[in-house]
ModelCIF file with pLDDT and N, C-alpha, C, O atoms, coordinates in Angstrom:
data_MODEL
#
_entry.id   MODEL 
#
_entity.id                         1 
_entity.type                       polymer 
_entity.pdbx_number_of_molecules   1 
#
_entity_poly.entity_id                      1 
_entity_poly.type                           'polypeptide(L)' 
_entity_poly.nstd_linkage                   no 
_entity_poly.nstd_monomer                   no 
_entity_poly.pdbx_seq_one_letter_code       
;(UNK)(UNK)(UNK)(UNK)(UNK)(UNK)(UNK)(UNK)(UNK)(UNK)(UNK)(UNK)(UNK)(UNK)(UNK)(UNK)
(UNK)(UNK)(UNK)(UNK)(UNK)(UNK)(UNK)(UNK)(UNK)(UNK)(UNK)(UNK)(UNK)(UNK)(UNK)(UNK)
(UNK)(UNK)(UNK)(UNK)(UNK)(UNK)(UNK)(UNK)(UNK)(UNK)(UNK)(UNK)(UNK)
;
_entity_poly.pdbx_seq_one_letter_code_can   XXXXXXXXXXXXXXXXXXXXXXXXXXXXXXXXXXXXXXXXXXXXX 
_entity_poly.pdbx_strand_id                 A 
#
loop_
_entity_poly_seq.entity_id 
_entity_poly_seq.num 
_entity_poly_seq.mon_id 
_entity_poly_seq.hetero 
1 1  UNK n 
1 2  UNK n 
1 3  UNK n 
1 4  UNK n 
1 5  UNK n 
1 6  UNK n 
1 7  UNK n 
1 8  UNK n 
1 9  UNK n 
1 10 UNK n 
1 11 UNK n 
1 12 UNK n 
1 13 UNK n 
1 14 UNK n 
1 15 UNK n 
1 16 UNK n 
1 17 UNK n 
1 18 UNK n 
1 19 UNK n 
1 20 UNK n 
1 21 UNK n 
1 22 UNK n 
1 23 UNK n 
1 24 UNK n 
1 25 UNK n 
1 26 UNK n 
1 27 UNK n 
1 28 UNK n 
1 29 UNK n 
1 30 UNK n 
1 31 UNK n 
1 32 UNK n 
1 33 UNK n 
1 34 UNK n 
1 35 UNK n 
1 36 UNK n 
1 37 UNK n 
1 38 UNK n 
1 39 UNK n 
1 40 UNK n 
1 41 UNK n 
1 42 UNK n 
1 43 UNK n 
1 44 UNK n 
1 45 UNK n 
#
_struct_asym.id          A 
_struct_asym.entity_id   1 
#
loop_
_ma_qa_metric.id 
_ma_qa_metric.mode 
_ma_qa_metric.name 
_ma_qa_metric.software_group_id 
_ma_qa_metric.type 
1 global pLDDT . pLDDT 
2 local  pLDDT . pLDDT 
#
_ma_qa_metric_global.metric_id      1 
_ma_qa_metric_global.metric_value   90.82 
_ma_qa_metric_global.model_id       1 
_ma_qa_metric_global.ordinal_id     1 
#
loop_
_ma_qa_metric_local.label_asym_id 
_ma_qa_metric_local.label_comp_id 
_ma_qa_metric_local.label_seq_id 
_ma_qa_metric_local.metric_id 
_ma_qa_metric_local.metric_value 
_ma_qa_metric_local.model_id 
_ma_qa_metric_local.ordinal_id 
A UNK 1  2 97.00 1 1  
A UNK 2  2 97.00 1 2  
A UNK 3  2 97.00 1 3  
A UNK 4  2 98.00 1 4  
A UNK 5  2 98.00 1 5  
A UNK 6  2 98.00 1 6  
A UNK 7  2 98.00 1 7  
A UNK 8  2 97.00 1 8  
A UNK 9  2 96.00 1 9  
A UNK 10 2 95.00 1 10 
A UNK 11 2 92.00 1 11 
A UNK 12 2 89.00 1 12 
A UNK 13 2 88.00 1 13 
A UNK 14 2 91.00 1 14 
A UNK 15 2 93.00 1 15 
A UNK 16 2 94.00 1 16 
A UNK 17 2 93.00 1 17 
A UNK 18 2 94.00 1 18 
A UNK 19 2 94.00 1 19 
A UNK 20 2 92.00 1 20 
A UNK 21 2 90.00 1 21 
A UNK 22 2 89.00 1 22 
A UNK 23 2 91.00 1 23 
A UNK 24 2 91.00 1 24 
A UNK 25 2 92.00 1 25 
A UNK 26 2 91.00 1 26 
A UNK 27 2 92.00 1 27 
A UNK 28 2 92.00 1 28 
A UNK 29 2 91.00 1 29 
A UNK 30 2 92.00 1 30 
A UNK 31 2 93.00 1 31 
A UNK 32 2 92.00 1 32 
A UNK 33 2 93.00 1 33 
A UNK 34 2 93.00 1 34 
A UNK 35 2 93.00 1 35 
A UNK 36 2 92.00 1 36 
A UNK 37 2 91.00 1 37 
A UNK 38 2 89.00 1 38 
A UNK 39 2 78.00 1 39 
A UNK 40 2 76.00 1 40 
A UNK 41 2 69.00 1 41 
A UNK 42 2 75.00 1 42 
A UNK 43 2 81.00 1 43 
A UNK 44 2 84.00 1 44 
A UNK 45 2 86.00 1 45 
#
loop_
_atom_site.group_PDB 
_atom_site.id 
_atom_site.type_symbol 
_atom_site.label_atom_id 
_atom_site.label_alt_id 
_atom_site.label_comp_id 
_atom_site.label_asym_id 
_atom_site.label_entity_id 
_atom_site.label_seq_id 
_atom_site.pdbx_PDB_ins_code 
_atom_site.Cartn_x 
_atom_site.Cartn_y 
_atom_site.Cartn_z 
_atom_site.occupancy 
_atom_site.B_iso_or_equiv 
_atom_site.pdbx_formal_charge 
_atom_site.auth_seq_id 
_atom_site.auth_comp_id 
_atom_site.auth_asym_id 
_atom_site.auth_atom_id 
_atom_site.pdbx_PDB_model_num 
ATOM 1   N N  . UNK A 1 1  ? 4.052   44.026 -28.202 1.00 97.00 ? 1  UNK A N  1 
ATOM 2   C CA . UNK A 1 1  ? 3.682   42.777 -27.545 1.00 97.00 ? 1  UNK A CA 1 
ATOM 3   C C  . UNK A 1 1  ? 4.713   41.676 -27.810 1.00 97.00 ? 1  UNK A C  1 
ATOM 4   O O  . UNK A 1 1  ? 4.921   40.797 -26.973 1.00 97.00 ? 1  UNK A O  1 
ATOM 5   N N  . UNK A 1 2  ? 5.346   41.731 -28.968 1.00 97.00 ? 2  UNK A N  1 
ATOM 6   C CA . UNK A 1 2  ? 6.344   40.714 -29.302 1.00 97.00 ? 2  UNK A CA 1 
ATOM 7   C C  . UNK A 1 2  ? 7.610   40.853 -28.459 1.00 97.00 ? 2  UNK A C  1 
ATOM 8   O O  . UNK A 1 2  ? 8.444   39.948 -28.427 1.00 97.00 ? 2  UNK A O  1 
ATOM 9   N N  . UNK A 1 3  ? 7.750   41.990 -27.780 1.00 97.00 ? 3  UNK A N  1 
ATOM 10  C CA . UNK A 1 3  ? 8.939   42.234 -26.968 1.00 97.00 ? 3  UNK A CA 1 
ATOM 11  C C  . UNK A 1 3  ? 8.747   41.837 -25.509 1.00 97.00 ? 3  UNK A C  1 
ATOM 12  O O  . UNK A 1 3  ? 9.652   42.033 -24.698 1.00 97.00 ? 3  UNK A O  1 
ATOM 13  N N  . UNK A 1 4  ? 7.584   41.282 -25.159 1.00 98.00 ? 4  UNK A N  1 
ATOM 14  C CA . UNK A 1 4  ? 7.332   40.866 -23.774 1.00 98.00 ? 4  UNK A CA 1 
ATOM 15  C C  . UNK A 1 4  ? 8.196   39.650 -23.444 1.00 98.00 ? 4  UNK A C  1 
ATOM 16  O O  . UNK A 1 4  ? 8.293   38.704 -24.226 1.00 98.00 ? 4  UNK A O  1 
ATOM 17  N N  . UNK A 1 5  ? 8.815   39.699 -22.273 1.00 98.00 ? 5  UNK A N  1 
ATOM 18  C CA . UNK A 1 5  ? 9.675   38.609 -21.816 1.00 98.00 ? 5  UNK A CA 1 
ATOM 19  C C  . UNK A 1 5  ? 9.390   38.307 -20.340 1.00 98.00 ? 5  UNK A C  1 
ATOM 20  O O  . UNK A 1 5  ? 9.159   39.217 -19.545 1.00 98.00 ? 5  UNK A O  1 
ATOM 21  N N  . UNK A 1 6  ? 9.408   37.030 -19.992 1.00 98.00 ? 6  UNK A N  1 
ATOM 22  C CA . UNK A 1 6  ? 9.119   36.604 -18.623 1.00 98.00 ? 6  UNK A CA 1 
ATOM 23  C C  . UNK A 1 6  ? 10.337  36.767 -17.719 1.00 98.00 ? 6  UNK A C  1 
ATOM 24  O O  . UNK A 1 6  ? 11.481  36.706 -18.170 1.00 98.00 ? 6  UNK A O  1 
ATOM 25  N N  . UNK A 1 7  ? 10.061  36.977 -16.426 1.00 98.00 ? 7  UNK A N  1 
ATOM 26  C CA . UNK A 1 7  ? 11.109  37.007 -15.412 1.00 98.00 ? 7  UNK A CA 1 
ATOM 27  C C  . UNK A 1 7  ? 10.969  35.815 -14.465 1.00 98.00 ? 7  UNK A C  1 
ATOM 28  O O  . UNK A 1 7  ? 11.884  34.998 -14.360 1.00 98.00 ? 7  UNK A O  1 
ATOM 29  N N  . UNK A 1 8  ? 9.829   35.712 -13.776 1.00 97.00 ? 8  UNK A N  1 
ATOM 30  C CA . UNK A 1 8  ? 9.656   34.618 -12.811 1.00 97.00 ? 8  UNK A CA 1 
ATOM 31  C C  . UNK A 1 8  ? 8.176   34.390 -12.520 1.00 97.00 ? 8  UNK A C  1 
ATOM 32  O O  . UNK A 1 8  ? 7.371   35.309 -12.672 1.00 97.00 ? 8  UNK A O  1 
ATOM 33  N N  . UNK A 1 9  ? 7.805   33.169 -12.101 1.00 96.00 ? 9  UNK A N  1 
ATOM 34  C CA . UNK A 1 9  ? 6.414   32.873 -11.746 1.00 96.00 ? 9  UNK A CA 1 
ATOM 35  C C  . UNK A 1 9  ? 6.098   33.358 -10.340 1.00 96.00 ? 9  UNK A C  1 
ATOM 36  O O  . UNK A 1 9  ? 6.982   33.436 -9.488  1.00 96.00 ? 9  UNK A O  1 
ATOM 37  N N  . UNK A 1 10 ? 4.829   33.685 -10.103 1.00 95.00 ? 10 UNK A N  1 
ATOM 38  C CA . UNK A 1 10 ? 4.347   34.009 -8.765  1.00 95.00 ? 10 UNK A CA 1 
ATOM 39  C C  . UNK A 1 10 ? 3.175   33.065 -8.477  1.00 95.00 ? 10 UNK A C  1 
ATOM 40  O O  . UNK A 1 10 ? 2.796   32.298 -9.362  1.00 95.00 ? 10 UNK A O  1 
ATOM 41  N N  . UNK A 1 11 ? 2.590   33.091 -7.278  1.00 92.00 ? 11 UNK A N  1 
ATOM 42  C CA . UNK A 1 11 ? 1.501   32.147 -6.983  1.00 92.00 ? 11 UNK A CA 1 
ATOM 43  C C  . UNK A 1 11 ? 0.379   32.178 -8.020  1.00 92.00 ? 11 UNK A C  1 
ATOM 44  O O  . UNK A 1 11 ? -0.018  33.239 -8.503  1.00 92.00 ? 11 UNK A O  1 
ATOM 45  N N  . UNK A 1 12 ? -0.114  30.993 -8.345  1.00 89.00 ? 12 UNK A N  1 
ATOM 46  C CA . UNK A 1 12 ? -1.166  30.860 -9.354  1.00 89.00 ? 12 UNK A CA 1 
ATOM 47  C C  . UNK A 1 12 ? -2.539  31.181 -8.774  1.00 89.00 ? 12 UNK A C  1 
ATOM 48  O O  . UNK A 1 12 ? -2.767  31.048 -7.572  1.00 89.00 ? 12 UNK A O  1 
ATOM 49  N N  . UNK A 1 13 ? -3.458  31.610 -9.660  1.00 88.00 ? 13 UNK A N  1 
ATOM 50  C CA . UNK A 1 13 ? -4.868  31.733 -9.291  1.00 88.00 ? 13 UNK A CA 1 
ATOM 51  C C  . UNK A 1 13 ? -5.420  30.316 -9.169  1.00 88.00 ? 13 UNK A C  1 
ATOM 52  O O  . UNK A 1 13 ? -5.496  29.586 -10.158 1.00 88.00 ? 13 UNK A O  1 
ATOM 53  N N  . UNK A 1 14 ? -5.799  29.938 -7.972  1.00 91.00 ? 14 UNK A N  1 
ATOM 54  C CA . UNK A 1 14 ? -6.155  28.550 -7.687  1.00 91.00 ? 14 UNK A CA 1 
ATOM 55  C C  . UNK A 1 14 ? -7.636  28.428 -7.333  1.00 91.00 ? 14 UNK A C  1 
ATOM 56  O O  . UNK A 1 14 ? -8.133  29.146 -6.466  1.00 91.00 ? 14 UNK A O  1 
ATOM 57  N N  . UNK A 1 15 ? -8.329  27.526 -8.000  1.00 93.00 ? 15 UNK A N  1 
ATOM 58  C CA . UNK A 1 15 ? -9.760  27.345 -7.777  1.00 93.00 ? 15 UNK A CA 1 
ATOM 59  C C  . UNK A 1 15 ? -10.032 26.560 -6.495  1.00 93.00 ? 15 UNK A C  1 
ATOM 60  O O  . UNK A 1 15 ? -9.406  25.535 -6.226  1.00 93.00 ? 15 UNK A O  1 
ATOM 61  N N  . UNK A 1 16 ? -10.992 27.077 -5.706  1.00 94.00 ? 16 UNK A N  1 
ATOM 62  C CA . UNK A 1 16 ? -11.454 26.401 -4.493  1.00 94.00 ? 16 UNK A CA 1 
ATOM 63  C C  . UNK A 1 16 ? -12.980 26.300 -4.538  1.00 94.00 ? 16 UNK A C  1 
ATOM 64  O O  . UNK A 1 16 ? -13.667 27.320 -4.592  1.00 94.00 ? 16 UNK A O  1 
ATOM 65  N N  . UNK A 1 17 ? -13.508 25.080 -4.517  1.00 93.00 ? 17 UNK A N  1 
ATOM 66  C CA . UNK A 1 17 ? -14.927 24.859 -4.299  1.00 93.00 ? 17 UNK A CA 1 
ATOM 67  C C  . UNK A 1 17 ? -15.070 24.452 -2.833  1.00 93.00 ? 17 UNK A C  1 
ATOM 68  O O  . UNK A 1 17 ? -14.724 23.332 -2.455  1.00 93.00 ? 17 UNK A O  1 
ATOM 69  N N  . UNK A 1 18 ? -15.580 25.366 -2.015  1.00 94.00 ? 18 UNK A N  1 
ATOM 70  C CA . UNK A 1 18 ? -15.579 25.204 -0.563  1.00 94.00 ? 18 UNK A CA 1 
ATOM 71  C C  . UNK A 1 18 ? -16.996 24.906 -0.079  1.00 94.00 ? 18 UNK A C  1 
ATOM 72  O O  . UNK A 1 18 ? -17.901 25.718 -0.270  1.00 94.00 ? 18 UNK A O  1 
ATOM 73  N N  . UNK A 1 19 ? -17.193 23.745 0.546   1.00 94.00 ? 19 UNK A N  1 
ATOM 74  C CA . UNK A 1 19 ? -18.505 23.347 1.026   1.00 94.00 ? 19 UNK A CA 1 
ATOM 75  C C  . UNK A 1 19 ? -18.473 23.178 2.544   1.00 94.00 ? 19 UNK A C  1 
ATOM 76  O O  . UNK A 1 19 ? -17.493 22.688 3.105   1.00 94.00 ? 19 UNK A O  1 
ATOM 77  N N  . UNK A 1 20 ? -19.562 23.591 3.198   1.00 92.00 ? 20 UNK A N  1 
ATOM 78  C CA . UNK A 1 20 ? -19.630 23.438 4.645   1.00 92.00 ? 20 UNK A CA 1 
ATOM 79  C C  . UNK A 1 20 ? -19.669 21.960 5.001   1.00 92.00 ? 20 UNK A C  1 
ATOM 80  O O  . UNK A 1 20 ? -20.186 21.139 4.243   1.00 92.00 ? 20 UNK A O  1 
ATOM 81  N N  . UNK A 1 21 ? -19.123 21.636 6.150   1.00 90.00 ? 21 UNK A N  1 
ATOM 82  C CA . UNK A 1 21 ? -19.160 20.246 6.605   1.00 90.00 ? 21 UNK A CA 1 
ATOM 83  C C  . UNK A 1 21 ? -20.600 19.776 6.776   1.00 90.00 ? 21 UNK A C  1 
ATOM 84  O O  . UNK A 1 21 ? -20.912 18.612 6.522   1.00 90.00 ? 21 UNK A O  1 
ATOM 85  N N  . UNK A 1 22 ? -21.486 20.692 7.211   1.00 89.00 ? 22 UNK A N  1 
ATOM 86  C CA . UNK A 1 22 ? -22.886 20.330 7.435   1.00 89.00 ? 22 UNK A CA 1 
ATOM 87  C C  . UNK A 1 22 ? -23.615 19.961 6.144   1.00 89.00 ? 22 UNK A C  1 
ATOM 88  O O  . UNK A 1 22 ? -24.604 19.229 6.175   1.00 89.00 ? 22 UNK A O  1 
ATOM 89  N N  . UNK A 1 23 ? -23.124 20.467 5.011   1.00 91.00 ? 23 UNK A N  1 
ATOM 90  C CA . UNK A 1 23 ? -23.779 20.165 3.731   1.00 91.00 ? 23 UNK A CA 1 
ATOM 91  C C  . UNK A 1 23 ? -23.617 18.709 3.336   1.00 91.00 ? 23 UNK A C  1 
ATOM 92  O O  . UNK A 1 23 ? -24.428 18.164 2.587   1.00 91.00 ? 23 UNK A O  1 
ATOM 93  N N  . UNK A 1 24 ? -22.564 18.085 3.843   1.00 91.00 ? 24 UNK A N  1 
ATOM 94  C CA . UNK A 1 24 ? -22.299 16.689 3.509   1.00 91.00 ? 24 UNK A CA 1 
ATOM 95  C C  . UNK A 1 24 ? -21.734 16.473 2.119   1.00 91.00 ? 24 UNK A C  1 
ATOM 96  O O  . UNK A 1 24 ? -21.561 15.331 1.695   1.00 91.00 ? 24 UNK A O  1 
ATOM 97  N N  . UNK A 1 25 ? -21.443 17.551 1.401   1.00 92.00 ? 25 UNK A N  1 
ATOM 98  C CA . UNK A 1 25 ? -20.955 17.452 0.018   1.00 92.00 ? 25 UNK A CA 1 
ATOM 99  C C  . UNK A 1 25 ? -19.456 17.185 0.015   1.00 92.00 ? 25 UNK A C  1 
ATOM 100 O O  . UNK A 1 25 ? -18.685 17.920 0.632   1.00 92.00 ? 25 UNK A O  1 
ATOM 101 N N  . UNK A 1 26 ? -19.050 16.132 -0.681  1.00 91.00 ? 26 UNK A N  1 
ATOM 102 C CA . UNK A 1 26 ? -17.624 15.790 -0.777  1.00 91.00 ? 26 UNK A CA 1 
ATOM 103 C C  . UNK A 1 26 ? -17.153 15.650 -2.216  1.00 91.00 ? 26 UNK A C  1 
ATOM 104 O O  . UNK A 1 26 ? -15.965 15.438 -2.458  1.00 91.00 ? 26 UNK A O  1 
ATOM 105 N N  . UNK A 1 27 ? -18.075 15.767 -3.183  1.00 92.00 ? 27 UNK A N  1 
ATOM 106 C CA . UNK A 1 27 ? -17.685 15.709 -4.594  1.00 92.00 ? 27 UNK A CA 1 
ATOM 107 C C  . UNK A 1 27 ? -18.647 16.571 -5.402  1.00 92.00 ? 27 UNK A C  1 
ATOM 108 O O  . UNK A 1 27 ? -19.634 17.071 -4.863  1.00 92.00 ? 27 UNK A O  1 
ATOM 109 N N  . UNK A 1 28 ? -18.367 16.746 -6.682  1.00 92.00 ? 28 UNK A N  1 
ATOM 110 C CA . UNK A 1 28 ? -19.165 17.650 -7.500  1.00 92.00 ? 28 UNK A CA 1 
ATOM 111 C C  . UNK A 1 28 ? -20.583 17.145 -7.728  1.00 92.00 ? 28 UNK A C  1 
ATOM 112 O O  . UNK A 1 28 ? -21.507 17.946 -7.863  1.00 92.00 ? 28 UNK A O  1 
ATOM 113 N N  . UNK A 1 29 ? -20.769 15.832 -7.774  1.00 91.00 ? 29 UNK A N  1 
ATOM 114 C CA . UNK A 1 29 ? -22.113 15.289 -7.954  1.00 91.00 ? 29 UNK A CA 1 
ATOM 115 C C  . UNK A 1 29 ? -23.022 15.721 -6.806  1.00 91.00 ? 29 UNK A C  1 
ATOM 116 O O  . UNK A 1 29 ? -24.225 15.904 -6.991  1.00 91.00 ? 29 UNK A O  1 
ATOM 117 N N  . UNK A 1 30 ? -22.441 15.879 -5.629  1.00 92.00 ? 30 UNK A N  1 
ATOM 118 C CA . UNK A 1 30 ? -23.219 16.256 -4.454  1.00 92.00 ? 30 UNK A CA 1 
ATOM 119 C C  . UNK A 1 30 ? -23.666 17.700 -4.445  1.00 92.00 ? 30 UNK A C  1 
ATOM 120 O O  . UNK A 1 30 ? -24.421 18.095 -3.557  1.00 92.00 ? 30 UNK A O  1 
ATOM 121 N N  . UNK A 1 31 ? -23.220 18.518 -5.421  1.00 93.00 ? 31 UNK A N  1 
ATOM 122 C CA . UNK A 1 31 ? -23.619 19.929 -5.465  1.00 93.00 ? 31 UNK A CA 1 
ATOM 123 C C  . UNK A 1 31 ? -25.063 20.130 -5.899  1.00 93.00 ? 31 UNK A C  1 
ATOM 124 O O  . UNK A 1 31 ? -25.645 21.184 -5.645  1.00 93.00 ? 31 UNK A O  1 
ATOM 125 N N  . UNK A 1 32 ? -25.643 19.132 -6.548  1.00 92.00 ? 32 UNK A N  1 
ATOM 126 C CA . UNK A 1 32 ? -27.006 19.269 -7.054  1.00 92.00 ? 32 UNK A CA 1 
ATOM 127 C C  . UNK A 1 32 ? -27.968 19.588 -5.908  1.00 92.00 ? 32 UNK A C  1 
ATOM 128 O O  . UNK A 1 32 ? -28.008 18.892 -4.893  1.00 92.00 ? 32 UNK A O  1 
ATOM 129 N N  . UNK A 1 33 ? -28.741 20.661 -6.101  1.00 93.00 ? 33 UNK A N  1 
ATOM 130 C CA . UNK A 1 33 ? -29.712 21.067 -5.103  1.00 93.00 ? 33 UNK A CA 1 
ATOM 131 C C  . UNK A 1 33 ? -29.157 21.928 -3.996  1.00 93.00 ? 33 UNK A C  1 
ATOM 132 O O  . UNK A 1 33 ? -29.902 22.336 -3.104  1.00 93.00 ? 33 UNK A O  1 
ATOM 133 N N  . UNK A 1 34 ? -27.881 22.216 -4.026  1.00 93.00 ? 34 UNK A N  1 
ATOM 134 C CA . UNK A 1 34 ? -27.246 23.014 -2.983  1.00 93.00 ? 34 UNK A CA 1 
ATOM 135 C C  . UNK A 1 34 ? -27.158 24.488 -3.390  1.00 93.00 ? 34 UNK A C  1 
ATOM 136 O O  . UNK A 1 34 ? -27.280 24.836 -4.564  1.00 93.00 ? 34 UNK A O  1 
ATOM 137 N N  . UNK A 1 35 ? -26.943 25.335 -2.389  1.00 93.00 ? 35 UNK A N  1 
ATOM 138 C CA . UNK A 1 35 ? -26.817 26.778 -2.616  1.00 93.00 ? 35 UNK A CA 1 
ATOM 139 C C  . UNK A 1 35 ? -25.349 27.166 -2.606  1.00 93.00 ? 35 UNK A C  1 
ATOM 140 O O  . UNK A 1 35 ? -24.635 26.927 -1.632  1.00 93.00 ? 35 UNK A O  1 
ATOM 141 N N  . UNK A 1 36 ? -24.900 27.780 -3.726  1.00 92.00 ? 36 UNK A N  1 
ATOM 142 C CA . UNK A 1 36 ? -23.490 28.124 -3.895  1.00 92.00 ? 36 UNK A CA 1 
ATOM 143 C C  . UNK A 1 36 ? -23.341 29.616 -4.170  1.00 92.00 ? 36 UNK A C  1 
ATOM 144 O O  . UNK A 1 36 ? -24.099 30.186 -4.955  1.00 92.00 ? 36 UNK A O  1 
ATOM 145 N N  . UNK A 1 37 ? -22.367 30.244 -3.525  1.00 91.00 ? 37 UNK A N  1 
ATOM 146 C CA . UNK A 1 37 ? -22.060 31.646 -3.789  1.00 91.00 ? 37 UNK A CA 1 
ATOM 147 C C  . UNK A 1 37 ? -20.855 31.696 -4.725  1.00 91.00 ? 37 UNK A C  1 
ATOM 148 O O  . UNK A 1 37 ? -19.775 31.205 -4.396  1.00 91.00 ? 37 UNK A O  1 
ATOM 149 N N  . UNK A 1 38 ? -21.059 32.300 -5.899  1.00 89.00 ? 38 UNK A N  1 
ATOM 150 C CA . UNK A 1 38 ? -19.974 32.424 -6.877  1.00 89.00 ? 38 UNK A CA 1 
ATOM 151 C C  . UNK A 1 38 ? -19.302 33.800 -6.832  1.00 89.00 ? 38 UNK A C  1 
ATOM 152 O O  . UNK A 1 38 ? -18.155 33.951 -7.254  1.00 89.00 ? 38 UNK A O  1 
ATOM 153 N N  . UNK A 1 39 ? -20.025 34.800 -6.319  1.00 78.00 ? 39 UNK A N  1 
ATOM 154 C CA . UNK A 1 39 ? -19.502 36.157 -6.414  1.00 78.00 ? 39 UNK A CA 1 
ATOM 155 C C  . UNK A 1 39 ? -19.855 36.744 -7.768  1.00 78.00 ? 39 UNK A C  1 
ATOM 156 O O  . UNK A 1 39 ? -20.612 36.152 -8.538  1.00 78.00 ? 39 UNK A O  1 
ATOM 157 N N  . UNK A 1 40 ? -19.302 37.908 -8.049  1.00 76.00 ? 40 UNK A N  1 
ATOM 158 C CA . UNK A 1 40 ? -19.655 38.603 -9.290  1.00 76.00 ? 40 UNK A CA 1 
ATOM 159 C C  . UNK A 1 40 ? -18.421 39.220 -9.954  1.00 76.00 ? 40 UNK A C  1 
ATOM 160 O O  . UNK A 1 40 ? -17.614 39.885 -9.305  1.00 76.00 ? 40 UNK A O  1 
ATOM 161 N N  . UNK A 1 41 ? -18.299 38.985 -11.253 1.00 69.00 ? 41 UNK A N  1 
ATOM 162 C CA . UNK A 1 41 ? -17.314 39.698 -12.048 1.00 69.00 ? 41 UNK A CA 1 
ATOM 163 C C  . UNK A 1 41 ? -15.878 39.236 -11.952 1.00 69.00 ? 41 UNK A C  1 
ATOM 164 O O  . UNK A 1 41 ? -15.034 39.697 -12.720 1.00 69.00 ? 41 UNK A O  1 
ATOM 165 N N  . UNK A 1 42 ? -15.576 38.342 -11.035 1.00 75.00 ? 42 UNK A N  1 
ATOM 166 C CA . UNK A 1 42 ? -14.191 37.925 -10.839 1.00 75.00 ? 42 UNK A CA 1 
ATOM 167 C C  . UNK A 1 42 ? -13.851 36.713 -11.701 1.00 75.00 ? 42 UNK A C  1 
ATOM 168 O O  . UNK A 1 42 ? -14.734 36.070 -12.269 1.00 75.00 ? 42 UNK A O  1 
ATOM 169 N N  . UNK A 1 43 ? -12.551 36.411 -11.790 1.00 81.00 ? 43 UNK A N  1 
ATOM 170 C CA . UNK A 1 43 ? -12.121 35.203 -12.481 1.00 81.00 ? 43 UNK A CA 1 
ATOM 171 C C  . UNK A 1 43 ? -12.752 33.980 -11.836 1.00 81.00 ? 43 UNK A C  1 
ATOM 172 O O  . UNK A 1 43 ? -13.232 33.086 -12.533 1.00 81.00 ? 43 UNK A O  1 
ATOM 173 N N  . UNK A 1 44 ? -12.753 33.935 -10.497 1.00 84.00 ? 44 UNK A N  1 
ATOM 174 C CA . UNK A 1 44 ? -13.316 32.790 -9.793  1.00 84.00 ? 44 UNK A CA 1 
ATOM 175 C C  . UNK A 1 44 ? -14.792 32.595 -10.084 1.00 84.00 ? 44 UNK A C  1 
ATOM 176 O O  . UNK A 1 44 ? -15.256 31.463 -10.224 1.00 84.00 ? 44 UNK A O  1 
ATOM 177 N N  . UNK A 1 45 ? -15.540 33.704 -10.177 1.00 86.00 ? 45 UNK A N  1 
ATOM 178 C CA . UNK A 1 45 ? -16.973 33.617 -10.469 1.00 86.00 ? 45 UNK A CA 1 
ATOM 179 C C  . UNK A 1 45 ? -17.204 33.073 -11.873 1.00 86.00 ? 45 UNK A C  1 
ATOM 180 O O  . UNK A 1 45 ? -18.350 32.929 -12.298 1.00 86.00 ? 45 UNK A O  1 
#
């Protein structure tokens, strides 16, 4: 493990909290009472 060396960066794992326009949610406080799909077992979940 001490011999591991980097070469170059690739695209990062980027978090997206995606809300429907109809939900009216534009910030995290607005998530209260809403239904959210997180998925299962993934980094994002």
